[in-house]
Amino acid sequence: MDTTFYRTSGTICAIILGIAAYRQFDFEHLKFQNLGIGIVYIIGFIISLFIVFKSTQKVE
């Protein structure tokens, strides 16, 4: 597949998961409102960032 597909889809996923994790986080008490879903959002966010950064590297 084309690297632009991975970069675009990874970026879209990272934006969506980042916003969802931001909304789940309670800044007053510095914890997630629902811990399980917050952890899933953060793990997905990290994986999507990994995909974006790996797809931008040049393959030699």
PDB file of N, CA and C in Angstrom:
ATOM      1  N   MET A   1       0.829  -1.184   0.000  1.00  0.00           N
ATOM      2  CA  MET A   1       0.000   0.000   0.000  1.00  0.00           C
ATOM      3  C   MET A   1       0.872   1.245   0.000  1.00  0.00           C
ATOM      4  N   ASP A   2       0.271   2.307  -0.390  1.00  0.00           N
ATOM      5  CA  ASP A   2       0.962   3.581  -0.453  1.00  0.00           C
ATOM      6  C   ASP A   2       1.153   4.146   0.952  1.00  0.00           C
ATOM      7  N   THR A   3       2.298   4.784   1.181  1.00  0.00           N
ATOM      8  CA  THR A   3       2.577   5.320   2.517  1.00  0.00           C
ATOM      9  C   THR A   3       1.667   6.491   2.855  1.00  0.00           C
ATOM     10  N   THR A   4       1.136   7.178   1.841  1.00  0.00           N
ATOM     11  CA  THR A   4       0.222   8.281   2.140  1.00  0.00           C
ATOM     12  C   THR A   4      -1.064   7.771   2.774  1.00  0.00           C
ATOM     13  N   PHE A   5      -1.478   6.549   2.418  1.00  0.00           N
ATOM     14  CA  PHE A   5      -2.662   5.960   3.047  1.00  0.00           C
ATOM     15  C   PHE A   5      -2.428   5.757   4.534  1.00  0.00           C
ATOM     16  N   TYR A   6      -1.281   5.183   4.895  1.00  0.00           N
ATOM     17  CA  TYR A   6      -0.965   4.956   6.303  1.00  0.00           C
ATOM     18  C   TYR A   6      -0.817   6.272   7.058  1.00  0.00           C
ATOM     19  N   ARG A   7      -0.179   7.233   6.427  1.00  0.00           N
ATOM     20  CA  ARG A   7       0.022   8.525   7.072  1.00  0.00           C
ATOM     21  C   ARG A   7      -1.311   9.233   7.305  1.00  0.00           C
ATOM     22  N   THR A   8      -2.179   9.218   6.298  1.00  0.00           N
ATOM     23  CA  THR A   8      -3.471   9.888   6.416  1.00  0.00           C
ATOM     24  C   THR A   8      -4.375   9.198   7.418  1.00  0.00           C
ATOM     25  N   SER A   9      -4.475   7.874   7.315  1.00  0.00           N
ATOM     26  CA  SER A   9      -5.355   7.153   8.240  1.00  0.00           C
ATOM     27  C   SER A   9      -4.816   7.201   9.667  1.00  0.00           C
ATOM     28  N   GLY A  10      -3.516   7.137   9.830  1.00  0.00           N
ATOM     29  CA  GLY A  10      -2.923   7.245  11.161  1.00  0.00           C
ATOM     30  C   GLY A  10      -3.136   8.615  11.773  1.00  0.00           C
ATOM     31  N   THR A  11      -3.038   9.650  10.948  1.00  0.00           N
ATOM     32  CA  THR A  11      -3.263  11.007  11.437  1.00  0.00           C
ATOM     33  C   THR A  11      -4.709  11.207  11.862  1.00  0.00           C
ATOM     34  N   ILE A  12      -5.640  10.709  11.062  1.00  0.00           N
ATOM     35  CA  ILE A  12      -7.057  10.828  11.407  1.00  0.00           C
ATOM     36  C   ILE A  12      -7.359  10.079  12.699  1.00  0.00           C
ATOM     37  N   CYS A  13      -6.834   8.873  12.831  1.00  0.00           N
ATOM     38  CA  CYS A  13      -7.041   8.097  14.062  1.00  0.00           C
ATOM     39  C   CYS A  13      -6.416   8.795  15.261  1.00  0.00           C
ATOM     40  N   ALA A  14      -5.228   9.361  15.089  1.00  0.00           N
ATOM     41  CA  ALA A  14      -4.561  10.051  16.193  1.00  0.00           C
ATOM     42  C   ALA A  14      -5.358  11.268  16.642  1.00  0.00           C
ATOM     43  N   ILE A  15      -5.915  11.997  15.707  1.00  0.00           N
ATOM     44  CA  ILE A  15      -6.715  13.171  16.062  1.00  0.00           C
ATOM     45  C   ILE A  15      -7.971  12.759  16.816  1.00  0.00           C
ATOM     46  N   ILE A  16      -8.674  11.752  16.304  1.00  0.00           N
ATOM     47  CA  ILE A  16      -9.908  11.297  16.945  1.00  0.00           C
ATOM     48  C   ILE A  16      -9.633  10.747  18.336  1.00  0.00           C
ATOM     49  N   LEU A  17      -8.621   9.900  18.462  1.00  0.00           N
ATOM     50  CA  LEU A  17      -8.313   9.308  19.765  1.00  0.00           C
ATOM     51  C   LEU A  17      -7.754  10.339  20.743  1.00  0.00           C
ATOM     52  N   GLY A  18      -6.999  11.295  20.246  1.00  0.00           N
ATOM     53  CA  GLY A  18      -6.488  12.352  21.110  1.00  0.00           C
ATOM     54  C   GLY A  18      -7.604  13.218  21.677  1.00  0.00           C
ATOM     55  N   ILE A  19      -8.571  13.558  20.845  1.00  0.00           N
ATOM     56  CA  ILE A  19      -9.715  14.345  21.315  1.00  0.00           C
ATOM     57  C   ILE A  19     -10.546  13.540  22.304  1.00  0.00           C
ATOM     58  N   ALA A  20     -10.749  12.257  22.021  1.00  0.00           N
ATOM     59  CA  ALA A  20     -11.531  11.405  22.926  1.00  0.00           C
ATOM     60  C   ALA A  20     -10.838  11.255  24.278  1.00  0.00           C
ATOM     61  N   ALA A  21      -9.524  11.077  24.272  1.00  0.00           N
ATOM     62  CA  ALA A  21      -8.783  10.960  25.531  1.00  0.00           C
ATOM     63  C   ALA A  21      -8.815  12.279  26.296  1.00  0.00           C
ATOM     64  N   TYR A  22      -8.737  13.384  25.588  1.00  0.00           N
ATOM     65  CA  TYR A  22      -8.804  14.703  26.224  1.00  0.00           C
ATOM     66  C   TYR A  22     -10.154  14.914  26.907  1.00  0.00           C
ATOM     67  N   ARG A  23     -11.225  14.475  26.251  1.00  0.00           N
ATOM     68  CA  ARG A  23     -12.562  14.628  26.831  1.00  0.00           C
ATOM     69  C   ARG A  23     -12.785  13.707  28.023  1.00  0.00           C
ATOM     70  N   GLN A  24     -12.130  12.555  28.046  1.00  0.00           N
ATOM     71  CA  GLN A  24     -12.287  11.616  29.151  1.00  0.00           C
ATOM     72  C   GLN A  24     -11.488  12.027  30.381  1.00  0.00           C
ATOM     73  N   PHE A  25     -10.474  12.854  30.202  1.00  0.00           N
ATOM     74  CA  PHE A  25      -9.590  13.205  31.311  1.00  0.00           C
ATOM     75  C   PHE A  25     -10.219  14.296  32.166  1.00  0.00           C
ATOM     76  N   ASP A  26     -10.203  14.087  33.483  1.00  0.00           N
ATOM     77  CA  ASP A  26     -10.728  15.051  34.445  1.00  0.00           C
ATOM     78  C   ASP A  26      -9.548  15.852  34.992  1.00  0.00           C
ATOM     79  N   PHE A  27      -9.408  17.100  34.550  1.00  0.00           N
ATOM     80  CA  PHE A  27      -8.258  17.913  34.931  1.00  0.00           C
ATOM     81  C   PHE A  27      -8.334  18.389  36.377  1.00  0.00           C
ATOM     82  N   GLU A  28      -9.524  18.426  36.934  1.00  0.00           N
ATOM     83  CA  GLU A  28      -9.666  18.856  38.328  1.00  0.00           C
ATOM     84  C   GLU A  28      -9.057  17.836  39.284  1.00  0.00           C
ATOM     85  N   HIS A  29      -9.279  16.547  38.999  1.00  0.00           N
ATOM     86  CA  HIS A  29      -8.763  15.484  39.862  1.00  0.00           C
ATOM     87  C   HIS A  29      -7.568  14.748  39.244  1.00  0.00           C
ATOM     88  N   LEU A  30      -7.174  15.148  38.043  1.00  0.00           N
ATOM     89  CA  LEU A  30      -6.039  14.563  37.318  1.00  0.00           C
ATOM     90  C   LEU A  30      -6.154  13.050  37.173  1.00  0.00           C
ATOM     91  N   LYS A  31      -7.308  12.598  36.690  1.00  0.00           N
ATOM     92  CA  LYS A  31      -7.520  11.181  36.397  1.00  0.00           C
ATOM     93  C   LYS A  31      -8.595  11.067  35.324  1.00  0.00           C
ATOM     94  N   PHE A  32      -8.688   9.876  34.741  1.00  0.00           N
ATOM     95  CA  PHE A  32      -9.710   9.634  33.740  1.00  0.00           C
ATOM     96  C   PHE A  32     -11.054   9.402  34.413  1.00  0.00           C
ATOM     97  N   GLN A  33     -12.125   9.834  33.757  1.00  0.00           N
ATOM     98  CA  GLN A  33     -13.463   9.598  34.284  1.00  0.00           C
ATOM     99  C   GLN A  33     -13.766   8.105  34.296  1.00  0.00           C
ATOM    100  N   ASN A  34     -13.387   7.416  33.243  1.00  0.00           N
ATOM    101  CA  ASN A  34     -13.521   5.969  33.148  1.00  0.00           C
ATOM    102  C   ASN A  34     -12.128   5.437  32.806  1.00  0.00           C
ATOM    103  N   LEU A  35     -11.483   4.804  33.762  1.00  0.00           N
ATOM    104  CA  LEU A  35     -10.078   4.425  33.617  1.00  0.00           C
ATOM    105  C   LEU A  35      -9.852   3.452  32.463  1.00  0.00           C
ATOM    106  N   GLY A  36     -10.721   2.470  32.309  1.00  0.00           N
ATOM    107  CA  GLY A  36     -10.531   1.465  31.263  1.00  0.00           C
ATOM    108  C   GLY A  36     -10.549   2.053  29.869  1.00  0.00           C
ATOM    109  N   ILE A  37     -11.548   2.865  29.577  1.00  0.00           N
ATOM    110  CA  ILE A  37     -11.654   3.450  28.242  1.00  0.00           C
ATOM    111  C   ILE A  37     -10.561   4.493  28.017  1.00  0.00           C
ATOM    112  N   GLY A  38     -10.134   5.159  29.074  1.00  0.00           N
ATOM    113  CA  GLY A  38      -9.037   6.114  28.951  1.00  0.00           C
ATOM    114  C   GLY A  38      -7.739   5.441  28.560  1.00  0.00           C
ATOM    115  N   ILE A  39      -7.478   4.280  29.158  1.00  0.00           N
ATOM    116  CA  ILE A  39      -6.271   3.521  28.815  1.00  0.00           C
ATOM    117  C   ILE A  39      -6.329   3.040  27.375  1.00  0.00           C
ATOM    118  N   VAL A  40      -7.502   2.583  26.940  1.00  0.00           N
ATOM    119  CA  VAL A  40      -7.661   2.133  25.550  1.00  0.00           C
ATOM    120  C   VAL A  40      -7.423   3.290  24.585  1.00  0.00           C
ATOM    121  N   TYR A  41      -7.948   4.471  24.900  1.00  0.00           N
ATOM    122  CA  TYR A  41      -7.738   5.643  24.051  1.00  0.00           C
ATOM    123  C   TYR A  41      -6.259   6.006  23.961  1.00  0.00           C
ATOM    124  N   ILE A  42      -5.554   5.986  25.073  1.00  0.00           N
ATOM    125  CA  ILE A  42      -4.135   6.347  25.084  1.00  0.00           C
ATOM    126  C   ILE A  42      -3.306   5.330  24.304  1.00  0.00           C
ATOM    127  N   ILE A  43      -3.591   4.040  24.486  1.00  0.00           N
ATOM    128  CA  ILE A  43      -2.857   3.003  23.745  1.00  0.00           C
ATOM    129  C   ILE A  43      -3.104   3.146  22.248  1.00  0.00           C
ATOM    130  N   GLY A  44      -4.355   3.360  21.858  1.00  0.00           N
ATOM    131  CA  GLY A  44      -4.668   3.568  20.443  1.00  0.00           C
ATOM    132  C   GLY A  44      -4.006   4.811  19.884  1.00  0.00           C
ATOM    133  N   PHE A  45      -3.951   5.864  20.682  1.00  0.00           N
ATOM    134  CA  PHE A  45      -3.303   7.108  20.273  1.00  0.00           C
ATOM    135  C   PHE A  45      -1.815   6.889  20.031  1.00  0.00           C
ATOM    136  N   ILE A  46      -1.164   6.168  20.928  1.00  0.00           N
ATOM    137  CA  ILE A  46       0.270   5.888  20.784  1.00  0.00           C
ATOM    138  C   ILE A  46       0.533   5.019  19.558  1.00  0.00           C
ATOM    139  N   ILE A  47      -0.302   4.012  19.332  1.00  0.00           N
ATOM    140  CA  ILE A  47      -0.133   3.145  18.162  1.00  0.00           C
ATOM    141  C   ILE A  47      -0.325   3.938  16.875  1.00  0.00           C
ATOM    142  N   SER A  48      -1.325   4.813  16.827  1.00  0.00           N
ATOM    143  CA  SER A  48      -1.547   5.595  15.613  1.00  0.00           C
ATOM    144  C   SER A  48      -0.408   6.583  15.367  1.00  0.00           C
ATOM    145  N   LEU A  49       0.152   7.163  16.434  1.00  0.00           N
ATOM    146  CA  LEU A  49       1.325   8.021  16.252  1.00  0.00           C
ATOM    147  C   LEU A  49       2.520   7.223  15.742  1.00  0.00           C
ATOM    148  N   PHE A  50       2.688   6.006  16.241  1.00  0.00           N
ATOM    149  CA  PHE A  50       3.763   5.137  15.770  1.00  0.00           C
ATOM    150  C   PHE A  50       3.603   4.857  14.275  1.00  0.00           C
ATOM    151  N   ILE A  51       2.381   4.588  13.837  1.00  0.00           N
ATOM    152  CA  ILE A  51       2.123   4.321  12.417  1.00  0.00           C
ATOM    153  C   ILE A  51       2.441   5.555  11.579  1.00  0.00           C
ATOM    154  N   VAL A  52       2.056   6.722  12.055  1.00  0.00           N
ATOM    155  CA  VAL A  52       2.319   7.957  11.307  1.00  0.00           C
ATOM    156  C   VAL A  52       3.817   8.194  11.173  1.00  0.00           C
ATOM    157  N   PHE A  53       4.564   8.047  12.266  1.00  0.00           N
ATOM    158  CA  PHE A  53       5.997   8.314  12.210  1.00  0.00           C
ATOM    159  C   PHE A  53       6.758   7.241  11.438  1.00  0.00           C
ATOM    160  N   LYS A  54       6.312   5.996  11.491  1.00  0.00           N
ATOM    161  CA  LYS A  54       6.973   4.944  10.711  1.00  0.00           C
ATOM    162  C   LYS A  54       6.699   5.114   9.222  1.00  0.00           C
ATOM    163  N   SER A  55       5.535   5.625   8.853  1.00  0.00           N
ATOM    164  CA  SER A  55       5.216   5.777   7.436  1.00  0.00           C
ATOM    165  C   SER A  55       5.917   6.983   6.823  1.00  0.00           C
ATOM    166  N   THR A  56       6.386   7.919   7.641  1.00  0.00           N
ATOM    167  CA  THR A  56       7.073   9.086   7.093  1.00  0.00           C
ATOM    168  C   THR A  56       8.559   8.840   6.874  1.00  0.00           C
ATOM    169  N   GLN A  57       9.103   7.765   7.446  1.00  0.00           N
ATOM    170  CA  GLN A  57      10.513   7.454   7.249  1.00  0.00           C
ATOM    171  C   GLN A  57      10.721   6.910   5.845  1.00  0.00           C
ATOM    172  N   LYS A  58      11.845   7.275   5.248  1.00  0.00           N
ATOM    173  CA  LYS A  58      12.165   6.790   3.910  1.00  0.00           C
ATOM    174  C   LYS A  58      12.633   5.348   3.969  1.00  0.00           C
ATOM    175  N   VAL A  59      12.154   4.569   3.025  1.00  0.00           N
ATOM    176  CA  VAL A  59      12.589   3.183   2.914  1.00  0.00           C
ATOM    177  C   VAL A  59      13.710   3.140   1.888  1.00  0.00           C
ATOM    178  N   GLU A  60      14.852   2.634   2.294  1.00  0.00           N
ATOM    179  CA  GLU A  60      16.008   2.597   1.381  1.00  0.00           C
ATOM    180  C   GLU A  60      16.130   1.255   0.717  1.00  0.00           C
TER     181      GLU A  60
END
